Amino acid sequence: WLKSMHKRGINKEVLSVDNHCDGPYLYLKTKKTDPKKA
């Protein structure tokens, strides 16, 4: 959803709360397609 909004020029603050393994998961997920961004 965030990717879709970014493509459409819509800026929203999107956060997750109370599970800090979300951060490593985003890192691992992004590393598969964009190591620099990861």
Full PDB file with SEQRES, HELIX, SHEET, SSBOND, CRYST1, ORIGX, SCALE, CONECT and MASTER records, all heavy atoms in Angstrom:
SEQRES   1 A   38  TRP LEU LYS SER MET HIS LYS ARG GLY ILE ASN LYS GLU          
SEQRES   2 A   38  VAL LEU SER VAL ASP ASN HIS CYS ASP GLY PRO TYR LEU          
SEQRES   3 A   38  TYR LEU LYS THR LYS LYS THR ASP PRO LYS LYS ALA              
HELIX    1 AA1 LEU A    2  LYS A    7  1                                   6    
HELIX    2 AA2 ASP A   22  LYS A   31  1                                  10    
CRYST1    1.000    1.000    1.000  90.00  90.00  90.00 P 1           1          
ORIGX1      1.000000  0.000000  0.000000        0.00000                         
ORIGX2      0.000000  1.000000  0.000000        0.00000                         
ORIGX3      0.000000  0.000000  1.000000        0.00000                         
SCALE1      1.000000  0.000000  0.000000        0.00000                         
SCALE2      0.000000  1.000000  0.000000        0.00000                         
SCALE3      0.000000  0.000000  1.000000        0.00000                         
ATOM      1  N   TRP A   1       0.832  -1.208   0.000  1.00  0.00           N  
ATOM      2  CA  TRP A   1       0.000   0.000   0.000  1.00  0.00           C  
ATOM      3  C   TRP A   1       0.866   1.257   0.000  1.00  0.00           C  
ATOM      4  O   TRP A   1       0.603   2.207  -0.754  1.00  0.00           O  
ATOM      5  CB  TRP A   1      -0.921  -0.024   1.216  1.00  0.00           C  
ATOM      6  CG  TRP A   1      -1.721   1.239   1.408  1.00  0.00           C  
ATOM      7  CD1 TRP A   1      -2.522   1.855   0.496  1.00  0.00           C  
ATOM      8  CD2 TRP A   1      -1.789   2.030   2.601  1.00  0.00           C  
ATOM      9  NE1 TRP A   1      -3.104   2.987   1.040  1.00  0.00           N  
ATOM     10  CE2 TRP A   1      -2.677   3.111   2.334  1.00  0.00           C  
ATOM     11  CE3 TRP A   1      -1.218   1.916   3.867  1.00  0.00           C  
ATOM     12  CZ2 TRP A   1      -2.962   4.079   3.287  1.00  0.00           C  
ATOM     13  CZ3 TRP A   1      -1.518   2.875   4.828  1.00  0.00           C  
ATOM     14  CH2 TRP A   1      -2.377   3.948   4.535  1.00  0.00           C  
ATOM     15  N   LEU A   2       1.903   1.251   0.815  1.00  0.00           N  
ATOM     16  CA  LEU A   2       2.793   2.406   0.885  1.00  0.00           C  
ATOM     17  C   LEU A   2       3.475   2.636  -0.460  1.00  0.00           C  
ATOM     18  O   LEU A   2       3.614   3.780  -0.925  1.00  0.00           O  
ATOM     19  CB  LEU A   2       3.828   2.191   1.999  1.00  0.00           C  
ATOM     20  CG  LEU A   2       4.774   3.340   2.330  1.00  0.00           C  
ATOM     21  CD1 LEU A   2       4.000   4.613   2.648  1.00  0.00           C  
ATOM     22  CD2 LEU A   2       5.668   2.958   3.508  1.00  0.00           C  
ATOM     23  N   LYS A   3       3.878   1.559  -1.121  1.00  0.00           N  
ATOM     24  CA  LYS A   3       4.498   1.665  -2.448  1.00  0.00           C  
ATOM     25  C   LYS A   3       3.513   2.254  -3.455  1.00  0.00           C  
ATOM     26  O   LYS A   3       3.873   3.126  -4.263  1.00  0.00           O  
ATOM     27  CB  LYS A   3       4.964   0.282  -2.908  1.00  0.00           C  
ATOM     28  CG  LYS A   3       5.642   0.280  -4.265  1.00  0.00           C  
ATOM     29  CD  LYS A   3       6.108  -1.128  -4.623  1.00  0.00           C  
ATOM     30  CE  LYS A   3       6.799  -1.162  -5.981  1.00  0.00           C  
ATOM     31  NZ  LYS A   3       7.259  -2.540  -6.326  1.00  0.00           N  
ATOM     32  N   SER A   4       2.257   1.804  -3.376  1.00  0.00           N  
ATOM     33  CA  SER A   4       1.222   2.329  -4.272  1.00  0.00           C  
ATOM     34  C   SER A   4       1.012   3.823  -4.055  1.00  0.00           C  
ATOM     35  O   SER A   4       0.910   4.596  -5.021  1.00  0.00           O  
ATOM     36  CB  SER A   4      -0.086   1.573  -4.048  1.00  0.00           C  
ATOM     37  OG  SER A   4      -1.163   2.191  -4.712  1.00  0.00           O  
ATOM     38  N   MET A   5       0.951   4.246  -2.806  1.00  0.00           N  
ATOM     39  CA  MET A   5       0.771   5.679  -2.529  1.00  0.00           C  
ATOM     40  C   MET A   5       1.967   6.477  -3.017  1.00  0.00           C  
ATOM     41  O   MET A   5       1.800   7.577  -3.569  1.00  0.00           O  
ATOM     42  CB  MET A   5       0.557   5.903  -1.022  1.00  0.00           C  
ATOM     43  CG  MET A   5      -0.801   5.478  -0.514  1.00  0.00           C  
ATOM     44  SD  MET A   5      -1.177   6.192   1.108  1.00  0.00           S  
ATOM     45  CE  MET A   5       0.078   5.395   2.121  1.00  0.00           C  
ATOM     46  N   HIS A   6       3.166   5.941  -2.811  1.00  0.00           N  
ATOM     47  CA  HIS A   6       4.374   6.651  -3.240  1.00  0.00           C  
ATOM     48  C   HIS A   6       4.349   6.877  -4.756  1.00  0.00           C  
ATOM     49  O   HIS A   6       4.672   7.973  -5.237  1.00  0.00           O  
ATOM     50  CB  HIS A   6       5.609   5.846  -2.838  1.00  0.00           C  
ATOM     51  CG  HIS A   6       6.902   6.512  -3.171  1.00  0.00           C  
ATOM     52  ND1 HIS A   6       7.375   7.619  -2.500  1.00  0.00           N  
ATOM     53  CD2 HIS A   6       7.831   6.225  -4.121  1.00  0.00           C  
ATOM     54  CE1 HIS A   6       8.537   7.991  -3.011  1.00  0.00           C  
ATOM     55  NE2 HIS A   6       8.832   7.163  -3.998  1.00  0.00           N  
ATOM     56  N   LYS A   7       3.929   5.859  -5.493  1.00  0.00           N  
ATOM     57  CA  LYS A   7       3.848   5.984  -6.952  1.00  0.00           C  
ATOM     58  C   LYS A   7       2.813   7.021  -7.375  1.00  0.00           C  
ATOM     59  O   LYS A   7       2.959   7.674  -8.417  1.00  0.00           O  
ATOM     60  CB  LYS A   7       3.500   4.629  -7.570  1.00  0.00           C  
ATOM     61  CG  LYS A   7       4.646   3.632  -7.563  1.00  0.00           C  
ATOM     62  CD  LYS A   7       4.233   2.335  -8.249  1.00  0.00           C  
ATOM     63  CE  LYS A   7       5.396   1.367  -8.350  1.00  0.00           C  
ATOM     64  NZ  LYS A   7       5.000   0.089  -9.005  1.00  0.00           N  
ATOM     65  N   ARG A   8       1.750   7.159  -6.573  1.00  0.00           N  
ATOM     66  CA  ARG A   8       0.673   8.107  -6.901  1.00  0.00           C  
ATOM     67  C   ARG A   8       0.912   9.492  -6.300  1.00  0.00           C  
ATOM     68  O   ARG A   8       0.057  10.373  -6.412  1.00  0.00           O  
ATOM     69  CB  ARG A   8      -0.660   7.548  -6.404  1.00  0.00           C  
ATOM     70  CG  ARG A   8      -1.153   6.352  -7.194  1.00  0.00           C  
ATOM     71  CD  ARG A   8      -2.463   5.800  -6.657  1.00  0.00           C  
ATOM     72  NE  ARG A   8      -2.296   5.040  -5.420  1.00  0.00           N  
ATOM     73  CZ  ARG A   8      -3.048   5.162  -4.342  1.00  0.00           C  
ATOM     74  NH1 ARG A   8      -4.035   6.054  -4.327  1.00  0.00           N  
ATOM     75  NH2 ARG A   8      -2.835   4.420  -3.270  1.00  0.00           N  
ATOM     76  N   GLY A   9       2.061   9.703  -5.675  1.00  0.00           N  
ATOM     77  CA  GLY A   9       2.394  11.000  -5.112  1.00  0.00           C  
ATOM     78  C   GLY A   9       1.640  11.341  -3.844  1.00  0.00           C  
ATOM     79  O   GLY A   9       1.489  12.519  -3.495  1.00  0.00           O  
ATOM     80  N   ILE A  10       1.154  10.323  -3.124  1.00  0.00           N  
ATOM     81  CA  ILE A  10       0.420  10.529  -1.876  1.00  0.00           C  
ATOM     82  C   ILE A  10       1.358  10.290  -0.714  1.00  0.00           C  
ATOM     83  O   ILE A  10       1.993   9.229  -0.618  1.00  0.00           O  
ATOM     84  CB  ILE A  10      -0.797   9.581  -1.774  1.00  0.00           C  
ATOM     85  CG1 ILE A  10      -1.752   9.825  -2.945  1.00  0.00           C  
ATOM     86  CG2 ILE A  10      -1.504   9.757  -0.438  1.00  0.00           C  
ATOM     87  CD1 ILE A  10      -2.874   8.798  -3.019  1.00  0.00           C  
ATOM     88  N   ASN A  11       1.452  11.263   0.186  1.00  0.00           N  
ATOM     89  CA  ASN A  11       2.365  11.142   1.325  1.00  0.00           C  
ATOM     90  C   ASN A  11       1.584  10.957   2.616  1.00  0.00           C  
ATOM     91  O   ASN A  11       0.814  11.827   3.026  1.00  0.00           O  
ATOM     92  CB  ASN A  11       3.250  12.393   1.426  1.00  0.00           C  
ATOM     93  CG  ASN A  11       4.262  12.281   2.556  1.00  0.00           C  
ATOM     94  OD1 ASN A  11       4.759  11.201   2.858  1.00  0.00           O  
ATOM     95  ND2 ASN A  11       4.573  13.400   3.177  1.00  0.00           N  
ATOM     96  N   LYS A  12       1.747   9.808   3.237  1.00  0.00           N  
ATOM     97  CA  LYS A  12       1.160   9.511   4.536  1.00  0.00           C  
ATOM     98  C   LYS A  12       2.258   8.978   5.465  1.00  0.00           C  
ATOM     99  O   LYS A  12       3.191   8.319   5.012  1.00  0.00           O  
ATOM    100  CB  LYS A  12       0.064   8.442   4.431  1.00  0.00           C  
ATOM    101  CG  LYS A  12      -1.074   8.765   3.475  1.00  0.00           C  
ATOM    102  CD  LYS A  12      -2.030   9.788   4.055  1.00  0.00           C  
ATOM    103  CE  LYS A  12      -3.226   9.991   3.129  1.00  0.00           C  
ATOM    104  NZ  LYS A  12      -4.113  11.084   3.606  1.00  0.00           N  
ATOM    105  N   GLU A  13       2.115   9.281   6.749  1.00  0.00           N  
ATOM    106  CA  GLU A  13       3.008   8.686   7.741  1.00  0.00           C  
ATOM    107  C   GLU A  13       2.453   7.316   8.098  1.00  0.00           C  
ATOM    108  O   GLU A  13       1.346   7.211   8.626  1.00  0.00           O  
ATOM    109  CB  GLU A  13       3.088   9.558   8.991  1.00  0.00           C  
ATOM    110  CG  GLU A  13       3.618  10.951   8.738  1.00  0.00           C  
ATOM    111  CD  GLU A  13       3.513  11.833   9.970  1.00  0.00           C  
ATOM    112  OE1 GLU A  13       3.584  11.289  11.101  1.00  0.00           O  
ATOM    113  OE2 GLU A  13       3.331  13.046   9.815  1.00  0.00           O  
ATOM    114  N   VAL A  14       3.201   6.276   7.804  1.00  0.00           N  
ATOM    115  CA  VAL A  14       2.760   4.904   8.055  1.00  0.00           C  
ATOM    116  C   VAL A  14       3.762   4.253   9.004  1.00  0.00           C  
ATOM    117  O   VAL A  14       4.949   4.124   8.676  1.00  0.00           O  
ATOM    118  CB  VAL A  14       2.651   4.100   6.746  1.00  0.00           C  
ATOM    119  CG1 VAL A  14       2.210   2.666   7.031  1.00  0.00           C  
ATOM    120  CG2 VAL A  14       1.679   4.781   5.779  1.00  0.00           C  
ATOM    121  N   LEU A  15       3.273   3.862  10.155  1.00  0.00           N  
ATOM    122  CA  LEU A  15       4.142   3.303  11.192  1.00  0.00           C  
ATOM    123  C   LEU A  15       3.565   2.007  11.733  1.00  0.00           C  
ATOM    124  O   LEU A  15       2.360   1.759  11.657  1.00  0.00           O  
ATOM    125  CB  LEU A  15       4.320   4.291  12.351  1.00  0.00           C  
ATOM    126  CG  LEU A  15       4.856   5.674  12.026  1.00  0.00           C  
ATOM    127  CD1 LEU A  15       3.709   6.666  11.832  1.00  0.00           C  
ATOM    128  CD2 LEU A  15       5.787   6.174  13.126  1.00  0.00           C  
ATOM    129  N   SER A  16       4.452   1.176  12.290  1.00  0.00           N  
ATOM    130  CA  SER A  16       4.000   0.025  13.064  1.00  0.00           C  
ATOM    131  C   SER A  16       4.482   0.200  14.496  1.00  0.00           C  
ATOM    132  O   SER A  16       5.483   0.871  14.760  1.00  0.00           O  
ATOM    133  CB  SER A  16       4.520  -1.294  12.477  1.00  0.00           C  
ATOM    134  OG  SER A  16       5.898  -1.463  12.748  1.00  0.00           O  
ATOM    135  N   VAL A  17       3.754  -0.418  15.418  1.00  0.00           N  
ATOM    136  CA  VAL A  17       4.016  -0.216  16.846  1.00  0.00           C  
ATOM    137  C   VAL A  17       3.951  -1.564  17.567  1.00  0.00           C  
ATOM    138  O   VAL A  17       3.125  -2.416  17.243  1.00  0.00           O  
ATOM    139  CB  VAL A  17       2.976   0.757  17.459  1.00  0.00           C  
ATOM    140  CG1 VAL A  17       3.385   1.158  18.880  1.00  0.00           C  
ATOM    141  CG2 VAL A  17       2.806   1.995  16.597  1.00  0.00           C  
ATOM    142  N   ASP A  18       4.835  -1.736  18.537  1.00  0.00           N  
ATOM    143  CA  ASP A  18       4.802  -2.841  19.497  1.00  0.00           C  
ATOM    144  C   ASP A  18       5.284  -4.178  18.953  1.00  0.00           C  
ATOM    145  O   ASP A  18       4.989  -5.227  19.536  1.00  0.00           O  
ATOM    146  CB  ASP A  18       3.405  -3.004  20.115  1.00  0.00           C  
ATOM    147  CG  ASP A  18       2.981  -1.780  20.917  1.00  0.00           C  
ATOM    148  OD1 ASP A  18       3.862  -1.020  21.326  1.00  0.00           O  
ATOM    149  OD2 ASP A  18       1.761  -1.592  21.121  1.00  0.00           O  
ATOM    150  N   ASN A  19       6.036  -4.161  17.854  1.00  0.00           N  
ATOM    151  CA  ASN A  19       6.750  -5.372  17.444  1.00  0.00           C  
ATOM    152  C   ASN A  19       7.981  -4.950  16.655  1.00  0.00           C  
ATOM    153  O   ASN A  19       7.900  -4.672  15.453  1.00  0.00           O  
ATOM    154  CB  ASN A  19       5.877  -6.305  16.617  1.00  0.00           C  
ATOM    155  CG  ASN A  19       6.482  -7.699  16.528  1.00  0.00           C  
ATOM    156  OD1 ASN A  19       7.695  -7.871  16.613  1.00  0.00           O  
ATOM    157  ND2 ASN A  19       5.640  -8.706  16.371  1.00  0.00           N  
ATOM    158  N   HIS A  20       9.116  -4.910  17.342  1.00  0.00           N  
ATOM    159  CA  HIS A  20      10.313  -4.344  16.732  1.00  0.00           C  
ATOM    160  C   HIS A  20      11.018  -5.275  15.765  1.00  0.00           C  
ATOM    161  O   HIS A  20      12.011  -4.875  15.149  1.00  0.00           O  
ATOM    162  CB  HIS A  20      11.263  -3.856  17.825  1.00  0.00           C  
ATOM    163  CG  HIS A  20      10.849  -2.538  18.409  1.00  0.00           C  
ATOM    164  ND1 HIS A  20      11.235  -1.341  17.873  1.00  0.00           N  
ATOM    165  CD2 HIS A  20      10.039  -2.240  19.442  1.00  0.00           C  
ATOM    166  CE1 HIS A  20      10.698  -0.348  18.567  1.00  0.00           C  
ATOM    167  NE2 HIS A  20       9.963  -0.873  19.524  1.00  0.00           N  
ATOM    168  N   CYS A  21      10.513  -6.495  15.579  1.00  0.00           N  
ATOM    169  CA  CYS A  21      11.108  -7.304  14.518  1.00  0.00           C  
ATOM    170  C   CYS A  21      10.597  -6.862  13.146  1.00  0.00           C  
ATOM    171  O   CYS A  21      11.094  -7.319  12.117  1.00  0.00           O  
ATOM    172  CB  CYS A  21      10.881  -8.792  14.744  1.00  0.00           C  
ATOM    173  SG  CYS A  21       9.204  -9.370  14.561  1.00  0.00           S  
ATOM    174  N   ASP A  22       9.634  -5.926  13.111  1.00  0.00           N  
ATOM    175  CA  ASP A  22       9.227  -5.338  11.830  1.00  0.00           C  
ATOM    176  C   ASP A  22      10.417  -4.685  11.131  1.00  0.00           C  
ATOM    177  O   ASP A  22      10.512  -4.720   9.896  1.00  0.00           O  
ATOM    178  CB  ASP A  22       8.139  -4.283  12.045  1.00  0.00           C  
ATOM    179  CG  ASP A  22       6.783  -4.883  12.374  1.00  0.00           C  
ATOM    180  OD1 ASP A  22       6.615  -6.115  12.245  1.00  0.00           O  
ATOM    181  OD2 ASP A  22       5.883  -4.116  12.771  1.00  0.00           O  
ATOM    182  N   GLY A  23      11.307  -4.069  11.908  1.00  0.00           N  
ATOM    183  CA  GLY A  23      12.466  -3.399  11.317  1.00  0.00           C  
ATOM    184  C   GLY A  23      13.385  -4.368  10.588  1.00  0.00           C  
ATOM    185  O   GLY A  23      13.662  -4.191   9.385  1.00  0.00           O  
ATOM    186  N   PRO A  24      13.900  -5.408  11.263  1.00  0.00           N  
ATOM    187  CA  PRO A  24      14.706  -6.401  10.560  1.00  0.00           C  
ATOM    188  C   PRO A  24      13.978  -7.056   9.390  1.00  0.00           C  
ATOM    189  O   PRO A  24      14.585  -7.360   8.366  1.00  0.00           O  
ATOM    190  CB  PRO A  24      15.025  -7.424  11.661  1.00  0.00           C  
ATOM    191  CG  PRO A  24      15.008  -6.634  12.917  1.00  0.00           C  
ATOM    192  CD  PRO A  24      13.928  -5.610  12.718  1.00  0.00           C  
ATOM    193  N   TYR A  25      12.660  -7.254   9.539  1.00  0.00           N  
ATOM    194  CA  TYR A  25      11.908  -7.858   8.437  1.00  0.00           C  
ATOM    195  C   TYR A  25      11.932  -6.950   7.213  1.00  0.00           C  
ATOM    196  O   TYR A  25      12.125  -7.423   6.076  1.00  0.00           O  
ATOM    197  CB  TYR A  25      10.473  -8.134   8.865  1.00  0.00           C  
ATOM    198  CG  TYR A  25       9.653  -8.800   7.766  1.00  0.00           C  
ATOM    199  CD1 TYR A  25       9.849 -10.129   7.440  1.00  0.00           C  
ATOM    200  CD2 TYR A  25       8.691  -8.070   7.055  1.00  0.00           C  
ATOM    201  CE1 TYR A  25       9.111 -10.739   6.428  1.00  0.00           C  
ATOM    202  CE2 TYR A  25       7.947  -8.665   6.044  1.00  0.00           C  
ATOM    203  CZ  TYR A  25       8.165 -10.003   5.735  1.00  0.00           C  
ATOM    204  OH  TYR A  25       7.443 -10.595   4.732  1.00  0.00           O  
ATOM    205  N   LEU A  26      11.760  -5.639   7.399  1.00  0.00           N  
ATOM    206  CA  LEU A  26      11.838  -4.705   6.272  1.00  0.00           C  
ATOM    207  C   LEU A  26      13.224  -4.737   5.635  1.00  0.00           C  
ATOM    208  O   LEU A  26      13.364  -4.667   4.406  1.00  0.00           O  
ATOM    209  CB  LEU A  26      11.505  -3.286   6.727  1.00  0.00           C  
ATOM    210  CG  LEU A  26      10.059  -2.972   7.088  1.00  0.00           C  
ATOM    211  CD1 LEU A  26       9.900  -1.477   7.386  1.00  0.00           C  
ATOM    212  CD2 LEU A  26       9.098  -3.386   5.993  1.00  0.00           C  
ATOM    213  N   TYR A  27      14.249  -4.816   6.489  1.00  0.00           N  
ATOM    214  CA  TYR A  27      15.621  -4.892   5.980  1.00  0.00           C  
ATOM    215  C   TYR A  27      15.804  -6.139   5.114  1.00  0.00           C  
ATOM    216  O   TYR A  27      16.304  -6.062   3.982  1.00  0.00           O  
ATOM    217  CB  TYR A  27      16.606  -4.888   7.143  1.00  0.00           C  
ATOM    218  CG  TYR A  27      17.986  -5.394   6.790  1.00  0.00           C  
ATOM    219  CD1 TYR A  27      18.852  -4.642   6.005  1.00  0.00           C  
ATOM    220  CD2 TYR A  27      18.422  -6.643   7.235  1.00  0.00           C  
ATOM    221  CE1 TYR A  27      20.121  -5.114   5.669  1.00  0.00           C  
ATOM    222  CE2 TYR A  27      19.677  -7.123   6.917  1.00  0.00           C  
ATOM    223  CZ  TYR A  27      20.525  -6.364   6.129  1.00  0.00           C  
ATOM    224  OH  TYR A  27      21.762  -6.842   5.796  1.00  0.00           O  
ATOM    225  N   LEU A  28      15.392  -7.298   5.631  1.00  0.00           N  
ATOM    226  CA  LEU A  28      15.569  -8.550   4.901  1.00  0.00           C  
ATOM    227  C   LEU A  28      14.729  -8.574   3.626  1.00  0.00           C  
ATOM    228  O   LEU A  28      15.176  -9.067   2.578  1.00  0.00           O  
ATOM    229  CB  LEU A  28      15.194  -9.723   5.803  1.00  0.00           C  
ATOM    230  CG  LEU A  28      16.109  -9.961   7.008  1.00  0.00           C  
ATOM    231  CD1 LEU A  28      15.483 -10.965   7.965  1.00  0.00           C  
ATOM    232  CD2 LEU A  28      17.490 -10.419   6.567  1.00  0.00           C  
ATOM    233  N   LYS A  29      13.540  -8.044   3.698  1.00  0.00           N  
ATOM    234  CA  LYS A  29      12.643  -7.992   2.541  1.00  0.00           C  
ATOM    235  C   LYS A  29      13.230  -7.106   1.439  1.00  0.00           C  
ATOM    236  O   LYS A  29      13.231  -7.479   0.261  1.00  0.00           O  
ATOM    237  CB  LYS A  29      11.288  -7.458   2.988  1.00  0.00           C  
ATOM    238  CG  LYS A  29      10.226  -7.296   1.912  1.00  0.00           C  
ATOM    239  CD  LYS A  29       8.945  -6.724   2.536  1.00  0.00           C  
ATOM    240  CE  LYS A  29       7.902  -6.388   1.477  1.00  0.00           C  
ATOM    241  NZ  LYS A  29       7.350  -7.611   0.851  1.00  0.00           N  
ATOM    242  N   THR A  30      13.755  -5.942   1.827  1.00  0.00           N  
ATOM    243  CA  THR A  30      14.302  -4.997   0.858  1.00  0.00           C  
ATOM    244  C   THR A  30      15.615  -5.490   0.278  1.00  0.00           C  
ATOM    245  O   THR A  30      15.926  -5.253  -0.902  1.00  0.00           O  
ATOM    246  CB  THR A  30      14.504  -3.623   1.520  1.00  0.00           C  
ATOM    247  OG1 THR A  30      13.275  -3.188   2.101  1.00  0.00           O  
ATOM    248  CG2 THR A  30      14.976  -2.586   0.515  1.00  0.00           C  
ATOM    249  N   LYS A  31      16.388  -6.202   1.082  1.00  0.00           N  
ATOM    250  CA  LYS A  31      17.702  -6.685   0.640  1.00  0.00           C  
ATOM    251  C   LYS A  31      17.591  -7.583  -0.587  1.00  0.00           C  
ATOM    252  O   LYS A  31      18.509  -7.644  -1.418  1.00  0.00           O  
ATOM    253  CB  LYS A  31      18.376  -7.427   1.786  1.00  0.00           C  
ATOM    254  CG  LYS A  31      19.816  -7.838   1.511  1.00  0.00           C  
ATOM    255  CD  LYS A  31      20.404  -8.561   2.718  1.00  0.00           C  
ATOM    256  CE  LYS A  31      21.836  -9.014   2.419  1.00  0.00           C  
ATOM    257  NZ  LYS A  31      22.405  -9.778   3.554  1.00  0.00           N  
ATOM    258  N   LYS A  32      16.456  -8.260  -0.755  1.00  0.00           N  
ATOM    259  CA  LYS A  32      16.274  -9.176  -1.882  1.00  0.00           C  
ATOM    260  C   LYS A  32      16.232  -8.439  -3.214  1.00  0.00           C  
ATOM    261  O   LYS A  32      16.608  -8.992  -4.252  1.00  0.00           O  
ATOM    262  CB  LYS A  32      14.986  -9.978  -1.691  1.00  0.00           C  
ATOM    263  CG  LYS A  32      14.997 -10.892  -0.481  1.00  0.00           C  
ATOM    264  CD  LYS A  32      13.640 -11.556  -0.297  1.00  0.00           C  
ATOM    265  CE  LYS A  32      13.600 -12.416   0.945  1.00  0.00           C  
ATOM    266  NZ  LYS A  32      12.254 -13.025   1.170  1.00  0.00           N  
ATOM    267  N   THR A  33      15.755  -7.197  -3.216  1.00  0.00           N  
ATOM    268  CA  THR A  33      15.566  -6.467  -4.470  1.00  0.00           C  
ATOM    269  C   THR A  33      16.419  -5.198  -4.575  1.00  0.00           C  
ATOM    270  O   THR A  33      16.686  -4.726  -5.674  1.00  0.00           O  
ATOM    271  CB  THR A  33      14.092  -6.061  -4.639  1.00  0.00           C  
ATOM    272  OG1 THR A  33      13.684  -5.287  -3.513  1.00  0.00           O  
ATOM    273  CG2 THR A  33      13.212  -7.312  -4.734  1.00  0.00           C  
ATOM    274  N   ASP A  34      16.843  -4.642  -3.442  1.00  0.00           N  
ATOM    275  CA  ASP A  34      17.574  -3.376  -3.458  1.00  0.00           C  
ATOM    276  C   ASP A  34      18.571  -3.342  -2.302  1.00  0.00           C  
ATOM    277  O   ASP A  34      18.312  -2.735  -1.253  1.00  0.00           O  
ATOM    278  CB  ASP A  34      16.597  -2.204  -3.346  1.00  0.00           C  
ATOM    279  CG  ASP A  34      17.242  -0.857  -3.662  1.00  0.00           C  
ATOM    280  OD1 ASP A  34      18.476  -0.753  -3.572  1.00  0.00           O  
ATOM    281  OD2 ASP A  34      16.500   0.101  -3.975  1.00  0.00           O  
ATOM    282  N   PRO A  35      19.729  -3.988  -2.458  1.00  0.00           N  
ATOM    283  CA  PRO A  35      20.713  -4.070  -1.366  1.00  0.00           C  
ATOM    284  C   PRO A  35      21.169  -2.710  -0.847  1.00  0.00           C  
ATOM    285  O   PRO A  35      21.418  -2.554   0.349  1.00  0.00           O  
ATOM    286  CB  PRO A  35      21.880  -4.844  -1.994  1.00  0.00           C  
ATOM    287  CG  PRO A  35      21.248  -5.632  -3.109  1.00  0.00           C  
ATOM    288  CD  PRO A  35      20.151  -4.761  -3.634  1.00  0.00           C  
ATOM    289  N   LYS A  36      21.257  -1.713  -1.735  1.00  0.00           N  
ATOM    290  CA  LYS A  36      21.695  -0.393  -1.293  1.00  0.00           C  
ATOM    291  C   LYS A  36      20.672   0.228  -0.344  1.00  0.00           C  
ATOM    292  O   LYS A  36      21.035   0.768   0.708  1.00  0.00           O  
ATOM    293  CB  LYS A  36      21.916   0.530  -2.491  1.00  0.00           C  
ATOM    294  CG  LYS A  36      22.432   1.923  -2.118  1.00  0.00           C  
ATOM    295  CD  LYS A  36      22.661   2.778  -3.357  1.00  0.00           C  
ATOM    296  CE  LYS A  36      23.209   4.154  -2.969  1.00  0.00           C  
ATOM    297  NZ  LYS A  36      22.291   4.886  -2.063  1.00  0.00           N  
ATOM    298  N   LYS A  37      19.399   0.175  -0.730  1.00  0.00           N  
ATOM    299  CA  LYS A  37      18.365   0.710   0.155  1.00  0.00           C  
ATOM    300  C   LYS A  37      18.328  -0.079   1.464  1.00  0.00           C  
ATOM    301  O   LYS A  37      18.108   0.490   2.534  1.00  0.00           O  
ATOM    302  CB  LYS A  37      16.996   0.663  -0.519  1.00  0.00           C  
ATOM    303  CG  LYS A  37      15.871   1.211   0.367  1.00  0.00           C  
ATOM    304  CD  LYS A  37      14.504   1.090  -0.284  1.00  0.00           C  
ATOM    305  CE  LYS A  37      14.324   2.121  -1.360  1.00  0.00           C  
ATOM    306  NZ  LYS A  37      12.917   2.137  -1.874  1.00  0.00           N  
ATOM    307  N   ALA A  38      18.561  -1.378   1.383  1.00  0.00           N  
ATOM    308  CA  ALA A  38      18.567  -2.200   2.590  1.00  0.00           C  
ATOM    309  C   ALA A  38      19.639  -1.734   3.572  1.00  0.00           C  
ATOM    310  O   ALA A  38      19.422  -1.698   4.790  1.00  0.00           O  
ATOM    311  CB  ALA A  38      18.773  -3.671   2.231  1.00  0.00           C  
TER     312      ALA A  38                                                      
MASTER        0    0    0    2    0    0    0    6  311    1    0    3          
END                                                                             
